[in-house]
């Protein structure tokens, strides 16, 4: 048996610039961090070696990989020619909540299957292959940030270059600054799940519009400003940059926000938050705010939403357990 865990991520600024229609013209960048909430995948030989068993929110037991209904399982198992196994997935957070769960699953699945094959693959290669599966083969209208965040782990500035290469640079700052940043971030669950692909498809279509393209250019500029501030151990403008980024992101597509989310956000800003954003493509999921510690109780009481505690994570996709190889 092999067990892997792959982290989810929170993105602070630059989301949307990781879509090829944009970064191939202007170059994109995102500042994000993985958190200590994970996608777990387990694999071992199935009792009936003529079948493949998959356990996620549903259970599939098939005679041939072509019969698999789960699109990512189907594509990856078929590509790698693996069958006769049982694979189970468990997640700390449900899908559709803006934490990059789909890409964490894809990265984790690739990692798990490579380990099963006894093959070492670098984090960069896992991220690249995950992008290939989700974007090129399955045609999902998503970007690249989630795959690279999940594979590498940590608090990073990720650049999407015009030649399709990706540069992952860990942020260097004092330990005290990083701890203060972590303490001043609060995440709340809106209770709304969303279809990220639908929102991203509209966003991708809108990129050709001059004002939307300019918004993404400005979002990249804000991400670079945020990076510089953190590297200078300066947190005073972090919330303000998040707020500016959220204002610009809302304009990228109609589904990014709605009246209910706007009311939650405005309530938070009136009650101590210096800035924030909705995580992921938009439409629901988690709201993330930057709020100094002494104001946090007031913010929590005013919002009345479930707070979701987290810590930064540094390892990326990793192997939790490898049992005796008896197959």
C-alpha atoms as a PDB file:
ATOM      1  CA  UNK A   1       0.000   0.000   0.000  1.00  0.00           C
ATOM      2  CA  UNK A   2       1.105   3.550  -0.770  1.00  0.00           C
ATOM      3  CA  UNK A   3      -0.456   6.681   0.715  1.00  0.00           C
ATOM      4  CA  UNK A   4       0.249  10.224  -0.484  1.00  0.00           C
ATOM      5  CA  UNK A   5      -0.975  13.611   0.671  1.00  0.00           C
ATOM      6  CA  UNK A   6      -1.148  16.729  -1.487  1.00  0.00           C
ATOM      7  CA  UNK A   7      -1.980  20.162  -0.021  1.00  0.00           C
ATOM      8  CA  UNK A   8      -4.653  22.649  -0.988  1.00  0.00           C
ATOM      9  CA  UNK A   9      -3.696  26.265  -1.646  1.00  0.00           C
ATOM     10  CA  UNK A  10      -4.789  29.808  -0.943  1.00  0.00           C
ATOM     11  CA  UNK A  11      -3.972  32.499  -3.505  1.00  0.00           C
ATOM     12  CA  UNK A  12      -3.361  36.087  -2.423  1.00  0.00           C
ATOM     13  CA  UNK A  13      -3.041  37.982  -5.710  1.00  0.00           C
ATOM     14  CA  UNK A  14      -2.606  37.464  -9.452  1.00  0.00           C
ATOM     15  CA  UNK A  15      -5.220  34.780 -10.092  1.00  0.00           C
ATOM     16  CA  UNK A  16      -6.323  34.668 -13.727  1.00  0.00           C
ATOM     17  CA  UNK A  17      -2.921  35.633 -15.112  1.00  0.00           C
ATOM     18  CA  UNK A  18      -2.014  31.921 -15.202  1.00  0.00           C
ATOM     19  CA  UNK A  19      -4.294  31.333 -18.208  1.00  0.00           C
ATOM     20  CA  UNK A  20      -2.351  30.839 -21.438  1.00  0.00           C
ATOM     21  CA  UNK A  21      -4.384  33.400 -23.419  1.00  0.00           C
ATOM     22  CA  UNK A  22      -2.938  36.032 -21.094  1.00  0.00           C
ATOM     23  CA  UNK A  23       0.534  34.897 -20.031  1.00  0.00           C
ATOM     24  CA  UNK A  24       1.670  34.074 -23.569  1.00  0.00           C
ATOM     25  CA  UNK A  25       1.226  37.773 -24.371  1.00  0.00           C
ATOM     26  CA  UNK A  26       2.167  39.503 -21.129  1.00  0.00           C
ATOM     27  CA  UNK A  27       3.580  36.937 -18.716  1.00  0.00           C
ATOM     28  CA  UNK A  28       1.636  36.167 -15.548  1.00  0.00           C
ATOM     29  CA  UNK A  29       2.367  35.806 -11.836  1.00  0.00           C
ATOM     30  CA  UNK A  30       0.640  34.678  -8.662  1.00  0.00           C
ATOM     31  CA  UNK A  31       1.529  34.902  -4.995  1.00  0.00           C
ATOM     32  CA  UNK A  32       0.106  31.938  -3.082  1.00  0.00           C
ATOM     33  CA  UNK A  33       0.675  29.467  -0.274  1.00  0.00           C
ATOM     34  CA  UNK A  34      -0.291  25.899   0.396  1.00  0.00           C
ATOM     35  CA  UNK A  35      -2.060  25.145   3.692  1.00  0.00           C
ATOM     36  CA  UNK A  36      -2.263  22.179   6.045  1.00  0.00           C
ATOM     37  CA  UNK A  37      -5.408  20.767   4.463  1.00  0.00           C
ATOM     38  CA  UNK A  38      -4.876  17.849   2.099  1.00  0.00           C
ATOM     39  CA  UNK A  39      -6.027  15.444  -0.564  1.00  0.00           C
ATOM     40  CA  UNK A  40      -5.097  11.878   0.469  1.00  0.00           C
ATOM     41  CA  UNK A  41      -4.747   9.054  -2.048  1.00  0.00           C
ATOM     42  CA  UNK A  42      -4.231   5.378  -1.274  1.00  0.00           C
ATOM     43  CA  UNK A  43      -3.327   2.637  -3.754  1.00  0.00           C
ATOM     44  CA  UNK A  44      -2.842  -1.102  -3.441  1.00  0.00           C
ATOM     45  CA  UNK A  45      -3.412  -4.162  -5.683  1.00  0.00           C
ATOM     46  CA  UNK A  46      -7.083  -5.064  -6.002  1.00  0.00           C
ATOM     47  CA  UNK A  47      -8.178  -8.519  -4.830  1.00  0.00           C
ATOM     48  CA  UNK A  48      -9.536  -9.288  -8.305  1.00  0.00           C
ATOM     49  CA  UNK A  49      -6.615  -8.298 -10.526  1.00  0.00           C
ATOM     50  CA  UNK A  50      -8.867  -8.296 -13.614  1.00  0.00           C
ATOM     51  CA  UNK A  51     -10.746  -5.257 -12.262  1.00  0.00           C
ATOM     52  CA  UNK A  52      -9.938  -1.711 -11.130  1.00  0.00           C
ATOM     53  CA  UNK A  53     -11.707  -0.208  -8.113  1.00  0.00           C
ATOM     54  CA  UNK A  54     -11.969   3.531  -7.479  1.00  0.00           C
ATOM     55  CA  UNK A  55     -13.407   5.056  -4.326  1.00  0.00           C
ATOM     56  CA  UNK A  56     -14.077   8.810  -4.133  1.00  0.00           C
ATOM     57  CA  UNK A  57     -17.486  10.452  -3.626  1.00  0.00           C
ATOM     58  CA  UNK A  58     -18.700   7.487  -5.703  1.00  0.00           C
ATOM     59  CA  UNK A  59     -17.500   3.915  -6.111  1.00  0.00           C
ATOM     60  CA  UNK A  60     -16.496   2.540  -9.494  1.00  0.00           C
ATOM     61  CA  UNK A  61     -15.425  -1.048 -10.156  1.00  0.00           C
ATOM     62  CA  UNK A  62     -14.611  -1.599 -13.822  1.00  0.00           C
ATOM     63  CA  UNK A  63     -13.199  -4.297 -16.085  1.00  0.00           C
ATOM     64  CA  UNK A  64     -11.427  -1.795 -18.332  1.00  0.00           C
ATOM     65  CA  UNK A  65     -10.118   1.747 -17.783  1.00  0.00           C
ATOM     66  CA  UNK A  66     -12.210   2.965 -20.725  1.00  0.00           C
ATOM     67  CA  UNK A  67     -15.287   2.349 -18.549  1.00  0.00           C
ATOM     68  CA  UNK A  68     -14.184   4.813 -15.843  1.00  0.00           C
ATOM     69  CA  UNK A  69     -16.537   7.793 -15.542  1.00  0.00           C
ATOM     70  CA  UNK A  70     -14.335  10.044 -13.376  1.00  0.00           C
ATOM     71  CA  UNK A  71     -12.533  12.099 -16.032  1.00  0.00           C
ATOM     72  CA  UNK A  72      -9.162  12.512 -14.263  1.00  0.00           C
ATOM     73  CA  UNK A  73      -8.988   8.887 -13.088  1.00  0.00           C
ATOM     74  CA  UNK A  74      -9.914   7.797 -16.613  1.00  0.00           C
ATOM     75  CA  UNK A  75      -7.286   9.927 -18.345  1.00  0.00           C
ATOM     76  CA  UNK A  76      -4.369   9.254 -15.994  1.00  0.00           C
ATOM     77  CA  UNK A  77      -4.896   5.505 -15.566  1.00  0.00           C
ATOM     78  CA  UNK A  78      -5.312   5.093 -19.303  1.00  0.00           C
ATOM     79  CA  UNK A  79      -2.196   7.167 -20.049  1.00  0.00           C
ATOM     80  CA  UNK A  80      -0.097   5.192 -17.564  1.00  0.00           C
ATOM     81  CA  UNK A  81      -1.545   1.801 -18.469  1.00  0.00           C
ATOM     82  CA  UNK A  82      -2.273   0.879 -14.849  1.00  0.00           C
ATOM     83  CA  UNK A  83      -5.128  -1.460 -13.893  1.00  0.00           C
ATOM     84  CA  UNK A  84      -5.869  -4.158 -11.332  1.00  0.00           C
ATOM     85  CA  UNK A  85      -5.553  -1.700  -8.447  1.00  0.00           C
ATOM     86  CA  UNK A  86      -7.796  -0.128  -5.844  1.00  0.00           C
ATOM     87  CA  UNK A  87      -7.435   3.639  -5.370  1.00  0.00           C
ATOM     88  CA  UNK A  88      -9.219   5.636  -2.695  1.00  0.00           C
ATOM     89  CA  UNK A  89      -9.299   9.421  -2.286  1.00  0.00           C
ATOM     90  CA  UNK A  90     -10.200  11.400   0.833  1.00  0.00           C
ATOM     91  CA  UNK A  91     -10.090  15.173   1.201  1.00  0.00           C
ATOM     92  CA  UNK A  92     -10.089  17.554   4.158  1.00  0.00           C
ATOM     93  CA  UNK A  93     -12.199  20.020   2.150  1.00  0.00           C
ATOM     94  CA  UNK A  94     -14.916  19.339  -0.465  1.00  0.00           C
ATOM     95  CA  UNK A  95     -14.535  20.311  -4.100  1.00  0.00           C
ATOM     96  CA  UNK A  96     -15.971  23.567  -5.436  1.00  0.00           C
ATOM     97  CA  UNK A  97     -14.720  25.669  -2.518  1.00  0.00           C
ATOM     98  CA  UNK A  98     -11.863  27.559  -4.213  1.00  0.00           C
ATOM     99  CA  UNK A  99      -8.857  25.769  -2.707  1.00  0.00           C
ATOM    100  CA  UNK A 100      -7.643  24.088  -5.896  1.00  0.00           C
ATOM    101  CA  UNK A 101      -8.896  20.611  -4.966  1.00  0.00           C
ATOM    102  CA  UNK A 102      -9.118  19.328  -8.539  1.00  0.00           C
ATOM    103  CA  UNK A 103      -5.466  20.072  -9.263  1.00  0.00           C
ATOM    104  CA  UNK A 104      -4.382  18.731  -5.865  1.00  0.00           C
ATOM    105  CA  UNK A 105      -6.159  15.520  -6.811  1.00  0.00           C
ATOM    106  CA  UNK A 106      -4.455  15.357 -10.214  1.00  0.00           C
ATOM    107  CA  UNK A 107      -0.983  16.053  -8.805  1.00  0.00           C
ATOM    108  CA  UNK A 108      -1.576  13.554  -6.009  1.00  0.00           C
ATOM    109  CA  UNK A 109      -2.825  10.859  -8.376  1.00  0.00           C
ATOM    110  CA  UNK A 110       0.180  11.227 -10.662  1.00  0.00           C
ATOM    111  CA  UNK A 111       2.512  11.126  -7.668  1.00  0.00           C
ATOM    112  CA  UNK A 112       0.789   8.038  -6.253  1.00  0.00           C
ATOM    113  CA  UNK A 113       0.922   6.125  -9.524  1.00  0.00           C
ATOM    114  CA  UNK A 114       4.565   7.019 -10.125  1.00  0.00           C
ATOM    115  CA  UNK A 115       5.398   5.716  -6.641  1.00  0.00           C
ATOM    116  CA  UNK A 116       3.406   2.555  -7.372  1.00  0.00           C
ATOM    117  CA  UNK A 117       5.542   2.083 -10.451  1.00  0.00           C
ATOM    118  CA  UNK A 118       8.686   2.643  -8.361  1.00  0.00           C
ATOM    119  CA  UNK A 119       9.511   5.742 -10.379  1.00  0.00           C
ATOM    120  CA  UNK A 120      10.806   9.036  -8.948  1.00  0.00           C
ATOM    121  CA  UNK A 121       9.382  12.156 -10.595  1.00  0.00           C
ATOM    122  CA  UNK A 122      10.358  15.725  -9.652  1.00  0.00           C
ATOM    123  CA  UNK A 123       7.809  18.208  -8.334  1.00  0.00           C
ATOM    124  CA  UNK A 124       8.221  20.314 -11.444  1.00  0.00           C
ATOM    125  CA  UNK A 125       7.477  17.317 -13.646  1.00  0.00           C
ATOM    126  CA  UNK A 126       4.411  16.375 -11.608  1.00  0.00           C
ATOM    127  CA  UNK A 127       3.057  19.920 -11.952  1.00  0.00           C
ATOM    128  CA  UNK A 128       3.798  19.974 -15.696  1.00  0.00           C
ATOM    129  CA  UNK A 129       2.083  16.616 -16.248  1.00  0.00           C
ATOM    130  CA  UNK A 130      -0.919  17.649 -14.155  1.00  0.00           C
ATOM    131  CA  UNK A 131      -1.334  20.772 -16.323  1.00  0.00           C
ATOM    132  CA  UNK A 132      -1.090  18.590 -19.414  1.00  0.00           C
ATOM    133  CA  UNK A 133      -3.844  16.300 -18.133  1.00  0.00           C
ATOM    134  CA  UNK A 134      -6.265  18.994 -16.971  1.00  0.00           C
ATOM    135  CA  UNK A 135      -5.722  21.703 -19.574  1.00  0.00           C
ATOM    136  CA  UNK A 136      -4.557  19.965 -22.755  1.00  0.00           C
ATOM    137  CA  UNK A 137      -6.131  16.505 -22.587  1.00  0.00           C
ATOM    138  CA  UNK A 138      -9.346  17.217 -20.681  1.00  0.00           C
ATOM    139  CA  UNK A 139      -9.759  20.747 -22.042  1.00  0.00           C
ATOM    140  CA  UNK A 140     -10.642  22.382 -18.719  1.00  0.00           C
ATOM    141  CA  UNK A 141     -10.565  26.222 -18.982  1.00  0.00           C
ATOM    142  CA  UNK A 142      -8.213  26.574 -16.015  1.00  0.00           C
ATOM    143  CA  UNK A 143      -4.768  28.013 -15.392  1.00  0.00           C
ATOM    144  CA  UNK A 144      -1.517  26.588 -14.055  1.00  0.00           C
ATOM    145  CA  UNK A 145      -1.183  28.024 -10.563  1.00  0.00           C
ATOM    146  CA  UNK A 146      -2.966  25.250  -8.644  1.00  0.00           C
ATOM    147  CA  UNK A 147      -0.875  22.406 -10.048  1.00  0.00           C
ATOM    148  CA  UNK A 148       2.442  24.110  -9.282  1.00  0.00           C
ATOM    149  CA  UNK A 149       1.314  25.200  -5.812  1.00  0.00           C
ATOM    150  CA  UNK A 150       0.155  21.684  -4.913  1.00  0.00           C
ATOM    151  CA  UNK A 151       3.306  20.018  -6.233  1.00  0.00           C
ATOM    152  CA  UNK A 152       5.890  22.377  -4.686  1.00  0.00           C
ATOM    153  CA  UNK A 153       4.183  23.504  -1.488  1.00  0.00           C
ATOM    154  CA  UNK A 154       5.122  26.596   0.504  1.00  0.00           C
ATOM    155  CA  UNK A 155       4.646  30.343   0.200  1.00  0.00           C
ATOM    156  CA  UNK A 156       5.747  31.131  -3.356  1.00  0.00           C
ATOM    157  CA  UNK A 157       5.803  33.714  -6.099  1.00  0.00           C
ATOM    158  CA  UNK A 158       4.958  31.733  -9.237  1.00  0.00           C
ATOM    159  CA  UNK A 159       5.658  33.225 -12.679  1.00  0.00           C
ATOM    160  CA  UNK A 160       4.029  32.001 -15.891  1.00  0.00           C
ATOM    161  CA  UNK A 161       6.384  32.859 -18.725  1.00  0.00           C
ATOM    162  CA  UNK A 162       5.535  33.615 -22.354  1.00  0.00           C
ATOM    163  CA  UNK A 163       7.331  30.449 -23.509  1.00  0.00           C
ATOM    164  CA  UNK A 164       5.030  28.298 -21.292  1.00  0.00           C
ATOM    165  CA  UNK A 165       7.751  27.684 -18.700  1.00  0.00           C
ATOM    166  CA  UNK A 166       6.960  28.273 -15.032  1.00  0.00           C
ATOM    167  CA  UNK A 167       9.256  29.712 -12.343  1.00  0.00           C
ATOM    168  CA  UNK A 168       8.529  28.921  -8.679  1.00  0.00           C
ATOM    169  CA  UNK A 169      10.352  31.214  -6.216  1.00  0.00           C
ATOM    170  CA  UNK A 170       9.918  30.733  -2.448  1.00  0.00           C
ATOM    171  CA  UNK A 171       9.447  34.032  -0.601  1.00  0.00           C
ATOM    172  CA  UNK A 172      12.295  34.894   1.740  1.00  0.00           C
ATOM    173  CA  UNK A 173      11.348  36.851   4.851  1.00  0.00           C
ATOM    174  CA  UNK A 174      11.958  36.911   8.567  1.00  0.00           C
ATOM    175  CA  UNK A 175      10.333  34.173  10.615  1.00  0.00           C
ATOM    176  CA  UNK A 176       8.474  36.792  12.673  1.00  0.00           C
ATOM    177  CA  UNK A 177       6.979  38.349   9.530  1.00  0.00           C
ATOM    178  CA  UNK A 178       5.735  34.997   8.252  1.00  0.00           C
ATOM    179  CA  UNK A 179       4.211  34.153  11.626  1.00  0.00           C
ATOM    180  CA  UNK A 180       2.474  37.538  11.797  1.00  0.00           C
ATOM    181  CA  UNK A 181       1.090  37.074   8.275  1.00  0.00           C
ATOM    182  CA  UNK A 182      -0.260  33.656   9.209  1.00  0.00           C
ATOM    183  CA  UNK A 183      -1.847  34.981  12.409  1.00  0.00           C
ATOM    184  CA  UNK A 184      -3.512  37.890  10.602  1.00  0.00           C
ATOM    185  CA  UNK A 185      -5.203  35.751   7.946  1.00  0.00           C
ATOM    186  CA  UNK A 186      -8.726  34.468   8.572  1.00  0.00           C
ATOM    187  CA  UNK A 187     -10.733  32.180   6.321  1.00  0.00           C
ATOM    188  CA  UNK A 188     -14.523  31.781   6.440  1.00  0.00           C
ATOM    189  CA  UNK A 189     -16.757  29.306   4.630  1.00  0.00           C
ATOM    190  CA  UNK A 190     -19.608  31.007   2.755  1.00  0.00           C
ATOM    191  CA  UNK A 191     -21.617  27.783   2.548  1.00  0.00           C
ATOM    192  CA  UNK A 192     -21.793  28.159  -1.229  1.00  0.00           C
ATOM    193  CA  UNK A 193     -20.133  25.741  -3.650  1.00  0.00           C
ATOM    194  CA  UNK A 194     -19.538  26.732  -7.259  1.00  0.00           C
ATOM    195  CA  UNK A 195     -18.657  25.535 -10.742  1.00  0.00           C
ATOM    196  CA  UNK A 196     -15.169  26.964 -11.278  1.00  0.00           C
ATOM    197  CA  UNK A 197     -15.013  25.828 -14.902  1.00  0.00           C
ATOM    198  CA  UNK A 198     -18.091  27.853 -15.875  1.00  0.00           C
ATOM    199  CA  UNK A 199     -16.673  31.036 -14.333  1.00  0.00           C
ATOM    200  CA  UNK A 200     -13.201  30.440 -15.782  1.00  0.00           C
ATOM    201  CA  UNK A 201     -14.639  29.770 -19.240  1.00  0.00           C
ATOM    202  CA  UNK A 202     -16.311  33.200 -19.194  1.00  0.00           C
ATOM    203  CA  UNK A 203     -13.151  34.798 -17.825  1.00  0.00           C
ATOM    204  CA  UNK A 204     -11.065  33.203 -20.558  1.00  0.00           C
ATOM    205  CA  UNK A 205     -13.498  34.433 -23.209  1.00  0.00           C
ATOM    206  CA  UNK A 206     -13.348  37.949 -21.738  1.00  0.00           C
ATOM    207  CA  UNK A 207      -9.539  38.165 -21.818  1.00  0.00           C
ATOM    208  CA  UNK A 208      -9.666  39.402 -25.404  1.00  0.00           C
ATOM    209  CA  UNK A 209     -11.463  42.544 -24.167  1.00  0.00           C
ATOM    210  CA  UNK A 210      -9.035  45.403 -23.617  1.00  0.00           C
ATOM    211  CA  UNK A 211     -10.346  46.375 -20.163  1.00  0.00           C
ATOM    212  CA  UNK A 212     -10.166  42.779 -18.884  1.00  0.00           C
ATOM    213  CA  UNK A 213      -6.636  42.409 -20.235  1.00  0.00           C
ATOM    214  CA  UNK A 214      -5.645  45.623 -18.463  1.00  0.00           C
ATOM    215  CA  UNK A 215      -7.176  44.334 -15.211  1.00  0.00           C
ATOM    216  CA  UNK A 216      -4.962  41.251 -15.362  1.00  0.00           C
ATOM    217  CA  UNK A 217      -1.888  43.367 -16.079  1.00  0.00           C
ATOM    218  CA  UNK A 218      -2.692  45.452 -12.997  1.00  0.00           C
ATOM    219  CA  UNK A 219      -3.310  42.312 -10.914  1.00  0.00           C
ATOM    220  CA  UNK A 220       0.189  41.113 -11.829  1.00  0.00           C
ATOM    221  CA  UNK A 221       1.604  44.478 -10.805  1.00  0.00           C
ATOM    222  CA  UNK A 222      -0.179  44.183  -7.442  1.00  0.00           C
ATOM    223  CA  UNK A 223       1.193  40.652  -6.954  1.00  0.00           C
ATOM    224  CA  UNK A 224       4.722  41.965  -7.513  1.00  0.00           C
ATOM    225  CA  UNK A 225       4.117  44.802  -5.029  1.00  0.00           C
ATOM    226  CA  UNK A 226       2.892  42.268  -2.473  1.00  0.00           C
ATOM    227  CA  UNK A 227       6.001  40.140  -3.045  1.00  0.00           C
ATOM    228  CA  UNK A 228       8.300  43.141  -2.529  1.00  0.00           C
ATOM    229  CA  UNK A 229       6.501  44.155   0.673  1.00  0.00           C
ATOM    230  CA  UNK A 230       6.800  40.676   2.164  1.00  0.00           C
ATOM    231  CA  UNK A 231      10.461  40.388   1.233  1.00  0.00           C
ATOM    232  CA  UNK A 232      10.987  43.750   2.959  1.00  0.00           C
ATOM    233  CA  UNK A 233       9.188  42.330   6.016  1.00  0.00           C
ATOM    234  CA  UNK A 234       6.447  44.910   5.646  1.00  0.00           C
ATOM    235  CA  UNK A 235       2.827  43.874   6.292  1.00  0.00           C
ATOM    236  CA  UNK A 236       1.144  47.286   6.617  1.00  0.00           C
ATOM    237  CA  UNK A 237      -0.071  47.312   2.999  1.00  0.00           C
ATOM    238  CA  UNK A 238      -0.853  43.589   2.616  1.00  0.00           C
ATOM    239  CA  UNK A 239      -4.591  43.948   3.254  1.00  0.00           C
ATOM    240  CA  UNK A 240      -4.863  47.015   1.042  1.00  0.00           C
ATOM    241  CA  UNK A 241      -3.228  45.161  -1.864  1.00  0.00           C
ATOM    242  CA  UNK A 242      -5.579  42.209  -1.354  1.00  0.00           C
ATOM    243  CA  UNK A 243      -8.549  44.559  -1.464  1.00  0.00           C
ATOM    244  CA  UNK A 244      -7.346  46.276  -4.647  1.00  0.00           C
ATOM    245  CA  UNK A 245      -6.817  42.883  -6.232  1.00  0.00           C
ATOM    246  CA  UNK A 246     -10.306  41.701  -5.298  1.00  0.00           C
ATOM    247  CA  UNK A 247     -11.896  44.839  -6.771  1.00  0.00           C
ATOM    248  CA  UNK A 248     -10.126  44.164 -10.063  1.00  0.00           C
ATOM    249  CA  UNK A 249     -10.804  40.417 -10.033  1.00  0.00           C
ATOM    250  CA  UNK A 250     -14.561  40.961  -9.622  1.00  0.00           C
ATOM    251  CA  UNK A 251     -14.578  42.700 -12.986  1.00  0.00           C
ATOM    252  CA  UNK A 252     -13.109  39.733 -14.899  1.00  0.00           C
ATOM    253  CA  UNK A 253     -16.393  37.784 -15.178  1.00  0.00           C
ATOM    254  CA  UNK A 254     -20.010  38.097 -14.002  1.00  0.00           C
ATOM    255  CA  UNK A 255     -19.894  34.967 -11.842  1.00  0.00           C
ATOM    256  CA  UNK A 256     -16.848  35.937  -9.770  1.00  0.00           C
ATOM    257  CA  UNK A 257     -19.041  37.564  -7.127  1.00  0.00           C
ATOM    258  CA  UNK A 258     -22.704  38.158  -6.354  1.00  0.00           C
ATOM    259  CA  UNK A 259     -24.796  40.355  -4.060  1.00  0.00           C
ATOM    260  CA  UNK A 260     -24.601  37.900  -1.158  1.00  0.00           C
ATOM    261  CA  UNK A 261     -20.827  37.623  -1.307  1.00  0.00           C
ATOM    262  CA  UNK A 262     -20.503  41.393  -1.713  1.00  0.00           C
ATOM    263  CA  UNK A 263     -22.553  41.885   1.460  1.00  0.00           C
ATOM    264  CA  UNK A 264     -20.298  39.473   3.403  1.00  0.00           C
ATOM    265  CA  UNK A 265     -17.197  41.217   2.109  1.00  0.00           C
ATOM    266  CA  UNK A 266     -18.489  44.714   2.918  1.00  0.00           C
ATOM    267  CA  UNK A 267     -19.478  43.551   6.417  1.00  0.00           C
ATOM    268  CA  UNK A 268     -15.946  42.268   7.012  1.00  0.00           C
ATOM    269  CA  UNK A 269     -14.406  45.515   5.807  1.00  0.00           C
ATOM    270  CA  UNK A 270     -16.621  47.503   8.178  1.00  0.00           C
ATOM    271  CA  UNK A 271     -15.596  45.311  11.091  1.00  0.00           C
ATOM    272  CA  UNK A 272     -11.825  45.254  11.084  1.00  0.00           C
ATOM    273  CA  UNK A 273     -10.634  43.597   7.881  1.00  0.00           C
ATOM    274  CA  UNK A 274      -7.983  45.533   5.964  1.00  0.00           C
ATOM    275  CA  UNK A 275      -8.666  43.586   2.792  1.00  0.00           C
ATOM    276  CA  UNK A 276      -9.636  40.197   1.469  1.00  0.00           C
ATOM    277  CA  UNK A 277     -10.842  38.129  -1.443  1.00  0.00           C
ATOM    278  CA  UNK A 278     -12.915  35.157  -2.424  1.00  0.00           C
ATOM    279  CA  UNK A 279     -10.621  32.192  -3.039  1.00  0.00           C
ATOM    280  CA  UNK A 280     -10.558  30.376  -6.358  1.00  0.00           C
ATOM    281  CA  UNK A 281     -12.453  31.338  -9.484  1.00  0.00           C
ATOM    282  CA  UNK A 282     -15.272  32.950  -7.499  1.00  0.00           C
ATOM    283  CA  UNK A 283     -18.974  32.409  -6.988  1.00  0.00           C
ATOM    284  CA  UNK A 284     -18.666  30.746  -3.553  1.00  0.00           C
ATOM    285  CA  UNK A 285     -16.359  28.740  -1.351  1.00  0.00           C
ATOM    286  CA  UNK A 286     -14.069  30.510   1.132  1.00  0.00           C
ATOM    287  CA  UNK A 287     -13.539  34.173   1.904  1.00  0.00           C
ATOM    288  CA  UNK A 288     -10.016  35.079   3.033  1.00  0.00           C
ATOM    289  CA  UNK A 289      -9.347  38.267   5.002  1.00  0.00           C
ATOM    290  CA  UNK A 290      -6.313  40.059   6.373  1.00  0.00           C
ATOM    291  CA  UNK A 291      -7.210  41.367   9.821  1.00  0.00           C
ATOM    292  CA  UNK A 292      -4.982  42.297  12.742  1.00  0.00           C
ATOM    293  CA  UNK A 293      -5.370  39.995  15.700  1.00  0.00           C
ATOM    294  CA  UNK A 294      -6.991  42.459  18.104  1.00  0.00           C
ATOM    295  CA  UNK A 295      -9.824  43.072  15.598  1.00  0.00           C
ATOM    296  CA  UNK A 296     -10.511  39.448  14.737  1.00  0.00           C
ATOM    297  CA  UNK A 297     -13.193  38.725  17.351  1.00  0.00           C
ATOM    298  CA  UNK A 298     -15.258  41.669  16.128  1.00  0.00           C
ATOM    299  CA  UNK A 299     -14.899  40.454  12.545  1.00  0.00           C
ATOM    300  CA  UNK A 300     -15.946  36.900  13.451  1.00  0.00           C
ATOM    301  CA  UNK A 301     -18.985  38.076  15.413  1.00  0.00           C
ATOM    302  CA  UNK A 302     -20.113  40.428  12.651  1.00  0.00           C
ATOM    303  CA  UNK A 303     -19.842  37.873   9.853  1.00  0.00           C
ATOM    304  CA  UNK A 304     -21.401  34.982  11.722  1.00  0.00           C
ATOM    305  CA  UNK A 305     -19.786  32.507   9.327  1.00  0.00           C
ATOM    306  CA  UNK A 306     -17.890  29.332  10.134  1.00  0.00           C
ATOM    307  CA  UNK A 307     -14.199  30.118  10.595  1.00  0.00           C
ATOM    308  CA  UNK A 308     -11.840  27.633   8.996  1.00  0.00           C
ATOM    309  CA  UNK A 309      -8.486  27.510  10.782  1.00  0.00           C
ATOM    310  CA  UNK A 310      -5.319  26.688   8.868  1.00  0.00           C
ATOM    311  CA  UNK A 311      -1.541  26.991   8.930  1.00  0.00           C
ATOM    312  CA  UNK A 312       0.946  27.416   6.093  1.00  0.00           C
ATOM    313  CA  UNK A 313       2.337  24.195   4.648  1.00  0.00           C
ATOM    314  CA  UNK A 314       5.822  23.744   3.182  1.00  0.00           C
ATOM    315  CA  UNK A 315       6.226  20.240   1.758  1.00  0.00           C
ATOM    316  CA  UNK A 316       3.954  20.030  -1.270  1.00  0.00           C
ATOM    317  CA  UNK A 317       2.880  16.604  -2.472  1.00  0.00           C
ATOM    318  CA  UNK A 318       4.530  13.920  -0.365  1.00  0.00           C
ATOM    319  CA  UNK A 319       4.472  10.213   0.475  1.00  0.00           C
ATOM    320  CA  UNK A 320       2.917   9.402   3.831  1.00  0.00           C
ATOM    321  CA  UNK A 321       3.341   5.620   3.817  1.00  0.00           C
ATOM    322  CA  UNK A 322       4.860   2.841   1.735  1.00  0.00           C
ATOM    323  CA  UNK A 323       4.075  -0.725   2.800  1.00  0.00           C
ATOM    324  CA  UNK A 324       5.803  -3.935   1.844  1.00  0.00           C
ATOM    325  CA  UNK A 325       5.741  -4.582  -1.880  1.00  0.00           C
ATOM    326  CA  UNK A 326       3.978  -7.906  -2.131  1.00  0.00           C
ATOM    327  CA  UNK A 327       2.588  -7.641  -5.662  1.00  0.00           C
END
